[in-house]
Protein backbone atom coordinates (compact mmCIF):
# COMPACT_ATOMS: atom_id res chain seq x y z
CA UNK A 1 -24.71 -12.65 99.56
CA UNK A 2 -23.70 -10.35 97.54
CA UNK A 3 -21.54 -13.29 95.55
CA UNK A 4 -24.85 -14.95 94.65
CA UNK A 5 -25.74 -12.10 92.94
CA UNK A 6 -23.30 -12.18 90.56
CA UNK A 7 -22.44 -16.00 90.30
CA UNK A 8 -26.20 -15.87 89.02
CA UNK A 9 -25.77 -13.28 86.95
CA UNK A 10 -22.88 -15.01 85.29
CA UNK A 11 -24.44 -18.13 84.54
CA UNK A 12 -28.06 -17.41 83.67
CA UNK A 13 -25.92 -14.94 81.02
CA UNK A 14 -23.96 -17.99 79.69
CA UNK A 15 -26.51 -20.35 79.80
CA UNK A 16 -28.41 -17.68 77.10
CA UNK A 17 -24.89 -16.89 75.21
CA UNK A 18 -26.21 -13.26 76.53
CA UNK A 19 -23.40 -10.68 77.08
CA UNK A 20 -22.67 -9.33 79.96
CA UNK A 21 -25.39 -6.63 80.92
CA UNK A 22 -25.26 -3.34 80.07
CA UNK A 23 -24.02 -0.60 81.81
CA UNK A 24 -26.66 1.45 82.58
CA UNK A 25 -28.53 -1.45 83.56
CA UNK A 26 -30.44 -1.33 86.77
CA UNK A 27 -31.57 -4.47 88.19
CA UNK A 28 -35.00 -4.93 90.01
CA UNK A 29 -35.39 -8.79 90.35
CA UNK A 30 -33.20 -11.06 90.91
CA UNK A 31 -34.71 -15.21 91.86
CA UNK A 32 -33.20 -18.39 91.90
CA UNK A 33 -35.14 -21.39 91.75
CA UNK A 34 -34.76 -24.92 91.59
CA UNK A 35 -33.07 -28.08 93.37
CA UNK A 36 -29.44 -29.88 92.77
CA UNK A 37 -30.46 -31.14 89.27
CA UNK A 38 -32.33 -28.49 88.13
CA UNK A 39 -31.93 -24.09 88.44
CA UNK A 40 -33.28 -21.52 86.88
CA UNK A 41 -32.57 -17.28 87.22
CA UNK A 42 -34.60 -14.78 86.81
CA UNK A 43 -33.33 -11.42 86.96
CA UNK A 44 -35.06 -8.22 85.20
CA UNK A 45 -33.56 -5.14 84.61
CA UNK A 46 -34.01 -1.27 82.91
CA UNK A 47 -32.03 0.36 81.12
CA UNK A 48 -32.31 2.60 78.16
CA UNK A 49 -33.55 1.41 74.62
CA UNK A 50 -30.44 2.08 73.11
CA UNK A 51 -28.07 -0.02 75.46
CA UNK A 52 -30.65 -2.59 75.54
CA UNK A 53 -30.63 -3.26 71.46
CA UNK A 54 -26.88 -2.97 71.25
CA UNK A 55 -27.12 -5.88 74.29
CA UNK A 56 -28.56 -8.11 71.53
CA UNK A 57 -26.95 -7.78 68.81
CA UNK A 58 -23.57 -8.77 71.11
CA UNK A 59 -25.50 -11.34 72.67
CA UNK A 60 -24.97 -14.83 70.41
CA UNK A 61 -28.43 -16.34 72.15
CA UNK A 62 -30.80 -13.50 70.26
CA UNK A 63 -28.94 -15.07 66.47
CA UNK A 64 -31.49 -17.90 65.56
CA UNK A 65 -33.99 -17.37 68.12
CA UNK A 66 -37.93 -17.47 67.91
CA UNK A 67 -39.74 -14.39 68.55
CA UNK A 68 -43.13 -13.77 69.79
CA UNK A 69 -44.81 -10.20 70.06
CA UNK A 70 -47.90 -10.16 72.10
CA UNK A 71 -49.64 -7.13 74.19
CA UNK A 72 -46.45 -4.63 74.01
CA UNK A 73 -43.77 -7.68 74.67
CA UNK A 74 -41.84 -9.40 72.01
CA UNK A 75 -40.65 -12.92 73.53
CA UNK A 76 -37.11 -14.19 72.68
CA UNK A 77 -37.24 -18.30 72.94
CA UNK A 78 -33.10 -18.78 73.57
CA UNK A 79 -32.28 -22.52 73.44
CA UNK A 80 -28.03 -23.17 73.36
CA UNK A 81 -25.82 -25.89 72.55
CA UNK A 82 -23.56 -25.41 75.74
CA UNK A 83 -25.96 -28.06 77.79
CA UNK A 84 -28.22 -25.37 79.11
CA UNK A 85 -31.58 -25.92 78.66
CA UNK A 86 -31.48 -22.54 78.14
CA UNK A 87 -35.34 -20.54 78.25
CA UNK A 88 -36.56 -16.72 77.74
CA UNK A 89 -35.81 -12.99 77.89
CA UNK A 90 -38.66 -10.50 77.57
CA UNK A 91 -38.70 -6.89 76.93
CA UNK A 92 -41.37 -4.59 77.05
CA UNK A 93 -40.22 -1.14 76.09
CA UNK A 94 -36.63 -0.77 78.63
CA UNK A 95 -37.78 -3.32 81.34
CA UNK A 96 -36.13 -6.80 79.94
CA UNK A 97 -36.64 -9.76 81.64
CA UNK A 98 -33.88 -12.86 81.58
CA UNK A 99 -35.24 -16.46 82.70
CA UNK A 100 -32.56 -19.66 81.99
CA UNK A 101 -32.32 -22.86 83.05
CA UNK A 102 -29.61 -25.93 83.23
CA UNK A 103 -31.46 -29.40 84.13
């Protein structure tokens, strides 16, 4: 259902202290995993490099996050203090994968 999609996106962004997705973001994949005790959302989108940079600068979750670079993919480990487990954001070119969990 469409409202589940929006709620999943909103929850994942909230858990990672991430801003709303850029206006030109094209969501290519959305997945929900978990049980009654856990929840995981994986959101994949593409958009322009400049919009990704702006989104990152505006997102509190990237501040103090650990960054790793491997094979052209930049991975940010995000661990907010709002009760969520956190997760990671992977960026390869203009493709972004957000993977956030709550337990």
